Amino acid sequence: MTETAEKLKLQLSQLSVQDRAELAHFLIHSLDEDTDDDVEAAWDTEITKRLDEIHQGTAIGEPSEQVFSELREKYS
């Protein structure tokens, strides 16, 4: 890491939690320069479809306890 970045880290660590969170959000999103509009549109369509299924009562889900238990078992 450059000397400038190290100095920034020290200065930024002294900011409030809210300010650090906003900066982190900005920095993370600044990494996403290459967004694919077709992919974004496809995700928007999928999310809308899934929300409609939930609101209509046709969505098939699993209890969160079951999902988390399966994940813990798989990755432990």
PDB file of N, CA and C in Angstrom:
ATOM      1  N   MET A   1       0.855  -1.166   0.000  1.00  0.00           N
ATOM      2  CA  MET A   1       0.000   0.000   0.000  1.00  0.00           C
ATOM      3  C   MET A   1       0.905   1.235   0.000  1.00  0.00           C
ATOM      4  N   THR A   2       0.473   2.251  -0.718  1.00  0.00           N
ATOM      5  CA  THR A   2       1.294   3.455  -0.816  1.00  0.00           C
ATOM      6  C   THR A   2       1.305   4.228   0.496  1.00  0.00           C
ATOM      7  N   GLU A   3       2.281   5.097   0.628  1.00  0.00           N
ATOM      8  CA  GLU A   3       2.378   5.939   1.825  1.00  0.00           C
ATOM      9  C   GLU A   3       1.148   6.833   1.950  1.00  0.00           C
ATOM     10  N   THR A   4       0.681   7.346   0.822  1.00  0.00           N
ATOM     11  CA  THR A   4      -0.519   8.192   0.826  1.00  0.00           C
ATOM     12  C   THR A   4      -1.721   7.419   1.351  1.00  0.00           C
ATOM     13  N   ALA A   5      -1.885   6.178   0.878  1.00  0.00           N
ATOM     14  CA  ALA A   5      -3.007   5.361   1.330  1.00  0.00           C
ATOM     15  C   ALA A   5      -2.902   5.065   2.822  1.00  0.00           C
ATOM     16  N   GLU A   6      -1.696   4.792   3.306  1.00  0.00           N
ATOM     17  CA  GLU A   6      -1.508   4.535   4.734  1.00  0.00           C
ATOM     18  C   GLU A   6      -1.891   5.760   5.559  1.00  0.00           C
ATOM     19  N   LYS A   7      -1.515   6.948   5.094  1.00  0.00           N
ATOM     20  CA  LYS A   7      -1.874   8.187   5.803  1.00  0.00           C
ATOM     21  C   LYS A   7      -3.386   8.379   5.808  1.00  0.00           C
ATOM     22  N   LEU A   8      -4.007   8.099   4.664  1.00  0.00           N
ATOM     23  CA  LEU A   8      -5.463   8.216   4.585  1.00  0.00           C
ATOM     24  C   LEU A   8      -6.145   7.253   5.545  1.00  0.00           C
ATOM     25  N   LYS A   9      -5.648   6.022   5.617  1.00  0.00           N
ATOM     26  CA  LYS A   9      -6.227   5.047   6.539  1.00  0.00           C
ATOM     27  C   LYS A   9      -6.202   5.561   7.973  1.00  0.00           C
ATOM     28  N   LEU A  10      -5.086   6.137   8.365  1.00  0.00           N
ATOM     29  CA  LEU A  10      -4.966   6.657   9.721  1.00  0.00           C
ATOM     30  C   LEU A  10      -5.966   7.789   9.950  1.00  0.00           C
ATOM     31  N   GLN A  11      -6.061   8.712   8.994  1.00  0.00           N
ATOM     32  CA  GLN A  11      -6.986   9.838   9.138  1.00  0.00           C
ATOM     33  C   GLN A  11      -8.441   9.364   9.116  1.00  0.00           C
ATOM     34  N   LEU A  12      -8.747   8.458   8.200  1.00  0.00           N
ATOM     35  CA  LEU A  12     -10.128   8.004   8.061  1.00  0.00           C
ATOM     36  C   LEU A  12     -10.582   7.188   9.257  1.00  0.00           C
ATOM     37  N   SER A  13      -9.676   6.504   9.916  1.00  0.00           N
ATOM     38  CA  SER A  13     -10.051   5.700  11.079  1.00  0.00           C
ATOM     39  C   SER A  13     -10.542   6.564  12.231  1.00  0.00           C
ATOM     40  N   GLN A  14     -10.270   7.845  12.175  1.00  0.00           N
ATOM     41  CA  GLN A  14     -10.685   8.756  13.237  1.00  0.00           C
ATOM     42  C   GLN A  14     -12.056   9.384  12.972  1.00  0.00           C
ATOM     43  N   LEU A  15     -12.638   9.082  11.812  1.00  0.00           N
ATOM     44  CA  LEU A  15     -13.965   9.609  11.494  1.00  0.00           C
ATOM     45  C   LEU A  15     -15.040   8.856  12.266  1.00  0.00           C
ATOM     46  N   SER A  16     -16.228   9.429  12.272  1.00  0.00           N
ATOM     47  CA  SER A  16     -17.356   8.773  12.938  1.00  0.00           C
ATOM     48  C   SER A  16     -17.737   7.499  12.182  1.00  0.00           C
ATOM     49  N   VAL A  17     -18.470   6.648  12.838  1.00  0.00           N
ATOM     50  CA  VAL A  17     -18.936   5.414  12.218  1.00  0.00           C
ATOM     51  C   VAL A  17     -19.763   5.739  10.975  1.00  0.00           C
ATOM     52  N   GLN A  18     -20.644   6.713  11.084  1.00  0.00           N
ATOM     53  CA  GLN A  18     -21.498   7.095   9.957  1.00  0.00           C
ATOM     54  C   GLN A  18     -20.659   7.561   8.768  1.00  0.00           C
ATOM     55  N   ASP A  19     -19.676   8.421   9.002  1.00  0.00           N
ATOM     56  CA  ASP A  19     -18.832   8.913   7.923  1.00  0.00           C
ATOM     57  C   ASP A  19     -18.025   7.772   7.290  1.00  0.00           C
ATOM     58  N   ARG A  20     -17.499   6.871   8.121  1.00  0.00           N
ATOM     59  CA  ARG A  20     -16.739   5.740   7.581  1.00  0.00           C
ATOM     60  C   ARG A  20     -17.634   4.827   6.750  1.00  0.00           C
ATOM     61  N   ALA A  21     -18.864   4.629   7.204  1.00  0.00           N
ATOM     62  CA  ALA A  21     -19.804   3.789   6.463  1.00  0.00           C
ATOM     63  C   ALA A  21     -20.124   4.407   5.105  1.00  0.00           C
ATOM     64  N   GLU A  22     -20.343   5.711   5.085  1.00  0.00           N
ATOM     65  CA  GLU A  22     -20.638   6.382   3.817  1.00  0.00           C
ATOM     66  C   GLU A  22     -19.443   6.306   2.867  1.00  0.00           C
ATOM     67  N   LEU A  23     -18.244   6.480   3.393  1.00  0.00           N
ATOM     68  CA  LEU A  23     -17.047   6.372   2.556  1.00  0.00           C
ATOM     69  C   LEU A  23     -16.858   4.944   2.048  1.00  0.00           C
ATOM     70  N   ALA A  24     -17.110   3.968   2.908  1.00  0.00           N
ATOM     71  CA  ALA A  24     -16.985   2.574   2.491  1.00  0.00           C
ATOM     72  C   ALA A  24     -17.969   2.274   1.367  1.00  0.00           C
ATOM     73  N   HIS A  25     -19.188   2.752   1.519  1.00  0.00           N
ATOM     74  CA  HIS A  25     -20.211   2.566   0.487  1.00  0.00           C
ATOM     75  C   HIS A  25     -19.743   3.191  -0.828  1.00  0.00           C
ATOM     76  N   PHE A  26     -19.239   4.404  -0.762  1.00  0.00           N
ATOM     77  CA  PHE A  26     -18.737   5.092  -1.951  1.00  0.00           C
ATOM     78  C   PHE A  26     -17.601   4.302  -2.603  1.00  0.00           C
ATOM     79  N   LEU A  27     -16.642   3.855  -1.799  1.00  0.00           N
ATOM     80  CA  LEU A  27     -15.489   3.146  -2.343  1.00  0.00           C
ATOM     81  C   LEU A  27     -15.882   1.821  -2.978  1.00  0.00           C
ATOM     82  N   ILE A  28     -16.761   1.080  -2.317  1.00  0.00           N
ATOM     83  CA  ILE A  28     -17.189  -0.198  -2.868  1.00  0.00           C
ATOM     84  C   ILE A  28     -17.894   0.005  -4.206  1.00  0.00           C
ATOM     85  N   HIS A  29     -18.768   0.996  -4.264  1.00  0.00           N
ATOM     86  CA  HIS A  29     -19.484   1.240  -5.513  1.00  0.00           C
ATOM     87  C   HIS A  29     -18.580   1.824  -6.591  1.00  0.00           C
ATOM     88  N   SER A  30     -17.497   2.466  -6.203  1.00  0.00           N
ATOM     89  CA  SER A  30     -16.572   3.001  -7.194  1.00  0.00           C
ATOM     90  C   SER A  30     -15.816   1.881  -7.903  1.00  0.00           C
ATOM     91  N   LEU A  31     -15.816   0.679  -7.334  1.00  0.00           N
ATOM     92  CA  LEU A  31     -15.154  -0.466  -7.961  1.00  0.00           C
ATOM     93  C   LEU A  31     -16.000  -1.077  -9.074  1.00  0.00           C
ATOM     94  N   ASP A  32     -17.287  -0.763  -9.089  1.00  0.00           N
ATOM     95  CA  ASP A  32     -18.216  -1.350 -10.058  1.00  0.00           C
ATOM     96  C   ASP A  32     -18.351  -0.473 -11.297  1.00  0.00           C
ATOM     97  N   GLU A  33     -17.232  -0.130 -11.919  1.00  0.00           N
ATOM     98  CA  GLU A  33     -17.282   0.719 -13.100  1.00  0.00           C
ATOM     99  C   GLU A  33     -17.869  -0.005 -14.302  1.00  0.00           C
ATOM    100  N   ASP A  34     -17.635  -1.298 -14.405  1.00  0.00           N
ATOM    101  CA  ASP A  34     -18.062  -2.055 -15.571  1.00  0.00           C
ATOM    102  C   ASP A  34     -19.376  -2.770 -15.291  1.00  0.00           C
ATOM    103  N   THR A  35     -20.462  -2.031 -15.235  1.00  0.00           N
ATOM    104  CA  THR A  35     -21.759  -2.667 -15.025  1.00  0.00           C
ATOM    105  C   THR A  35     -22.373  -2.994 -16.377  1.00  0.00           C
ATOM    106  N   ASP A  36     -23.026  -4.108 -16.432  1.00  0.00           N
ATOM    107  CA  ASP A  36     -23.672  -4.572 -17.655  1.00  0.00           C
ATOM    108  C   ASP A  36     -25.163  -4.258 -17.539  1.00  0.00           C
ATOM    109  N   ASP A  37     -25.644  -3.350 -18.369  1.00  0.00           N
ATOM    110  CA  ASP A  37     -27.040  -2.928 -18.293  1.00  0.00           C
ATOM    111  C   ASP A  37     -28.004  -4.089 -18.528  1.00  0.00           C
ATOM    112  N   ASP A  38     -27.625  -5.038 -19.401  1.00  0.00           N
ATOM    113  CA  ASP A  38     -28.492  -6.192 -19.645  1.00  0.00           C
ATOM    114  C   ASP A  38     -28.612  -7.063 -18.397  1.00  0.00           C
ATOM    115  N   VAL A  39     -27.504  -7.228 -17.691  1.00  0.00           N
ATOM    116  CA  VAL A  39     -27.529  -8.028 -16.461  1.00  0.00           C
ATOM    117  C   VAL A  39     -28.363  -7.317 -15.395  1.00  0.00           C
ATOM    118  N   GLU A  40     -28.171  -6.011 -15.269  1.00  0.00           N
ATOM    119  CA  GLU A  40     -28.949  -5.237 -14.295  1.00  0.00           C
ATOM    120  C   GLU A  40     -30.443  -5.341 -14.600  1.00  0.00           C
ATOM    121  N   ALA A  41     -30.811  -5.235 -15.867  1.00  0.00           N
ATOM    122  CA  ALA A  41     -32.220  -5.327 -16.264  1.00  0.00           C
ATOM    123  C   ALA A  41     -32.768  -6.720 -15.973  1.00  0.00           C
ATOM    124  N   ALA A  42     -31.957  -7.751 -16.225  1.00  0.00           N
ATOM    125  CA  ALA A  42     -32.396  -9.122 -15.949  1.00  0.00           C
ATOM    126  C   ALA A  42     -32.638  -9.325 -14.463  1.00  0.00           C
ATOM    127  N   TRP A  43     -31.742  -8.780 -13.617  1.00  0.00           N
ATOM    128  CA  TRP A  43     -31.943  -8.899 -12.160  1.00  0.00           C
ATOM    129  C   TRP A  43     -33.189  -8.141 -11.727  1.00  0.00           C
ATOM    130  N   ASP A  44     -33.415  -6.962 -12.279  1.00  0.00           N
ATOM    131  CA  ASP A  44     -34.626  -6.200 -11.941  1.00  0.00           C
ATOM    132  C   ASP A  44     -35.882  -6.991 -12.289  1.00  0.00           C
ATOM    133  N   THR A  45     -35.876  -7.626 -13.450  1.00  0.00           N
ATOM    134  CA  THR A  45     -37.017  -8.444 -13.870  1.00  0.00           C
ATOM    135  C   THR A  45     -37.222  -9.623 -12.927  1.00  0.00           C
ATOM    136  N   GLU A  46     -36.129 -10.296 -12.569  1.00  0.00           N
ATOM    137  CA  GLU A  46     -36.219 -11.452 -11.676  1.00  0.00           C
ATOM    138  C   GLU A  46     -36.720 -11.053 -10.287  1.00  0.00           C
ATOM    139  N   ILE A  47     -36.206  -9.955  -9.774  1.00  0.00           N
ATOM    140  CA  ILE A  47     -36.632  -9.482  -8.448  1.00  0.00           C
ATOM    141  C   ILE A  47     -38.115  -9.130  -8.456  1.00  0.00           C
ATOM    142  N   THR A  48     -38.553  -8.453  -9.505  1.00  0.00           N
ATOM    143  CA  THR A  48     -39.968  -8.086  -9.627  1.00  0.00           C
ATOM    144  C   THR A  48     -40.837  -9.339  -9.681  1.00  0.00           C
ATOM    145  N   LYS A  49     -40.399 -10.342 -10.454  1.00  0.00           N
ATOM    146  CA  LYS A  49     -41.145 -11.598 -10.558  1.00  0.00           C
ATOM    147  C   LYS A  49     -41.259 -12.280  -9.196  1.00  0.00           C
ATOM    148  N   ARG A  50     -40.139 -12.333  -8.486  1.00  0.00           N
ATOM    149  CA  ARG A  50     -40.151 -12.998  -7.176  1.00  0.00           C
ATOM    150  C   ARG A  50     -41.025 -12.248  -6.170  1.00  0.00           C
ATOM    151  N   LEU A  51     -40.974 -10.923  -6.196  1.00  0.00           N
ATOM    152  CA  LEU A  51     -41.837 -10.143  -5.299  1.00  0.00           C
ATOM    153  C   LEU A  51     -43.306 -10.363  -5.615  1.00  0.00           C
ATOM    154  N   ASP A  52     -43.635 -10.416  -6.910  1.00  0.00           N
ATOM    155  CA  ASP A  52     -45.020 -10.683  -7.309  1.00  0.00           C
ATOM    156  C   ASP A  52     -45.473 -12.044  -6.792  1.00  0.00           C
ATOM    157  N   GLU A  53     -44.603 -13.051  -6.888  1.00  0.00           N
ATOM    158  CA  GLU A  53     -44.943 -14.383  -6.391  1.00  0.00           C
ATOM    159  C   GLU A  53     -45.184 -14.361  -4.880  1.00  0.00           C
ATOM    160  N   ILE A  54     -44.371 -13.609  -4.165  1.00  0.00           N
ATOM    161  CA  ILE A  54     -44.556 -13.503  -2.711  1.00  0.00           C
ATOM    162  C   ILE A  54     -45.887 -12.843  -2.399  1.00  0.00           C
ATOM    163  N   HIS A  55     -46.177 -11.726  -3.071  1.00  0.00           N
ATOM    164  CA  HIS A  55     -47.426 -11.005  -2.812  1.00  0.00           C
ATOM    165  C   HIS A  55     -48.659 -11.812  -3.219  1.00  0.00           C
ATOM    166  N   GLN A  56     -48.536 -12.646  -4.240  1.00  0.00           N
ATOM    167  CA  GLN A  56     -49.663 -13.458  -4.695  1.00  0.00           C
ATOM    168  C   GLN A  56     -49.812 -14.747  -3.879  1.00  0.00           C
ATOM    169  N   GLY A  57     -48.813 -15.032  -3.046  1.00  0.00           N
ATOM    170  CA  GLY A  57     -48.862 -16.241  -2.226  1.00  0.00           C
ATOM    171  C   GLY A  57     -48.484 -17.496  -2.990  1.00  0.00           C
ATOM    172  N   THR A  58     -47.842 -17.356  -4.143  1.00  0.00           N
ATOM    173  CA  THR A  58     -47.463 -18.529  -4.939  1.00  0.00           C
ATOM    174  C   THR A  58     -45.990 -18.890  -4.790  1.00  0.00           C
ATOM    175  N   ALA A  59     -45.233 -18.090  -4.050  1.00  0.00           N
ATOM    176  CA  ALA A  59     -43.803 -18.364  -3.864  1.00  0.00           C
ATOM    177  C   ALA A  59     -43.631 -19.570  -2.955  1.00  0.00           C
ATOM    178  N   ILE A  60     -42.662 -20.384  -3.299  1.00  0.00           N
ATOM    179  CA  ILE A  60     -42.345 -21.544  -2.465  1.00  0.00           C
ATOM    180  C   ILE A  60     -41.013 -21.241  -1.790  1.00  0.00           C
ATOM    181  N   GLY A  61     -41.029 -21.180  -0.482  1.00  0.00           N
ATOM    182  CA  GLY A  61     -39.819 -20.862   0.257  1.00  0.00           C
ATOM    183  C   GLY A  61     -39.493 -21.924   1.279  1.00  0.00           C
ATOM    184  N   GLU A  62     -38.384 -21.707   1.954  1.00  0.00           N
ATOM    185  CA  GLU A  62     -37.965 -22.597   3.025  1.00  0.00           C
ATOM    186  C   GLU A  62     -37.741 -21.759   4.274  1.00  0.00           C
ATOM    187  N   PRO A  63     -38.022 -22.311   5.441  1.00  0.00           N
ATOM    188  CA  PRO A  63     -37.787 -21.558   6.673  1.00  0.00           C
ATOM    189  C   PRO A  63     -36.305 -21.191   6.805  1.00  0.00           C
ATOM    190  N   SER A  64     -36.051 -20.001   7.293  1.00  0.00           N
ATOM    191  CA  SER A  64     -34.666 -19.539   7.407  1.00  0.00           C
ATOM    192  C   SER A  64     -33.842 -20.453   8.300  1.00  0.00           C
ATOM    193  N   GLU A  65     -34.451 -21.006   9.357  1.00  0.00           N
ATOM    194  CA  GLU A  65     -33.722 -21.903  10.245  1.00  0.00           C
ATOM    195  C   GLU A  65     -33.178 -23.102   9.474  1.00  0.00           C
ATOM    196  N   GLN A  66     -33.987 -23.629   8.555  1.00  0.00           N
ATOM    197  CA  GLN A  66     -33.578 -24.770   7.757  1.00  0.00           C
ATOM    198  C   GLN A  66     -32.432 -24.375   6.819  1.00  0.00           C
ATOM    199  N   VAL A  67     -32.559 -23.233   6.160  1.00  0.00           N
ATOM    200  CA  VAL A  67     -31.529 -22.779   5.225  1.00  0.00           C
ATOM    201  C   VAL A  67     -30.210 -22.570   5.951  1.00  0.00           C
ATOM    202  N   PHE A  68     -30.243 -21.865   7.083  1.00  0.00           N
ATOM    203  CA  PHE A  68     -29.014 -21.602   7.825  1.00  0.00           C
ATOM    204  C   PHE A  68     -28.407 -22.887   8.384  1.00  0.00           C
ATOM    205  N   SER A  69     -29.254 -23.799   8.819  1.00  0.00           N
ATOM    206  CA  SER A  69     -28.761 -25.076   9.330  1.00  0.00           C
ATOM    207  C   SER A  69     -28.044 -25.844   8.227  1.00  0.00           C
ATOM    208  N   GLU A  70     -28.618 -25.877   7.042  1.00  0.00           N
ATOM    209  CA  GLU A  70     -27.987 -26.561   5.915  1.00  0.00           C
ATOM    210  C   GLU A  70     -26.665 -25.896   5.538  1.00  0.00           C
ATOM    211  N   LEU A  71     -26.615 -24.577   5.568  1.00  0.00           N
ATOM    212  CA  LEU A  71     -25.379 -23.868   5.255  1.00  0.00           C
ATOM    213  C   LEU A  71     -24.297 -24.140   6.297  1.00  0.00           C
ATOM    214  N   ARG A  72     -24.687 -24.134   7.590  1.00  0.00           N
ATOM    215  CA  ARG A  72     -23.715 -24.429   8.645  1.00  0.00           C
ATOM    216  C   ARG A  72     -23.169 -25.842   8.483  1.00  0.00           C
ATOM    217  N   GLU A  73     -24.041 -26.777   8.181  1.00  0.00           N
ATOM    218  CA  GLU A  73     -23.621 -28.162   8.009  1.00  0.00           C
ATOM    219  C   GLU A  73     -22.683 -28.289   6.801  1.00  0.00           C
ATOM    220  N   LYS A  74     -22.993 -27.611   5.745  1.00  0.00           N
ATOM    221  CA  LYS A  74     -22.192 -27.706   4.519  1.00  0.00           C
ATOM    222  C   LYS A  74     -20.814 -27.069   4.678  1.00  0.00           C
ATOM    223  N   TYR A  75     -20.735 -25.947   5.396  1.00  0.00           N
ATOM    224  CA  TYR A  75     -19.482 -25.178   5.458  1.00  0.00           C
ATOM    225  C   TYR A  75     -18.747 -25.306   6.793  1.00  0.00           C
ATOM    226  N   SER A  76     -19.174 -26.192   7.662  1.00  0.00           N
ATOM    227  CA  SER A  76     -18.486 -26.376   8.942  1.00  0.00           C
ATOM    228  C   SER A  76     -17.490 -27.501   8.875  1.00  0.00           C
TER     229      SER A  76
END
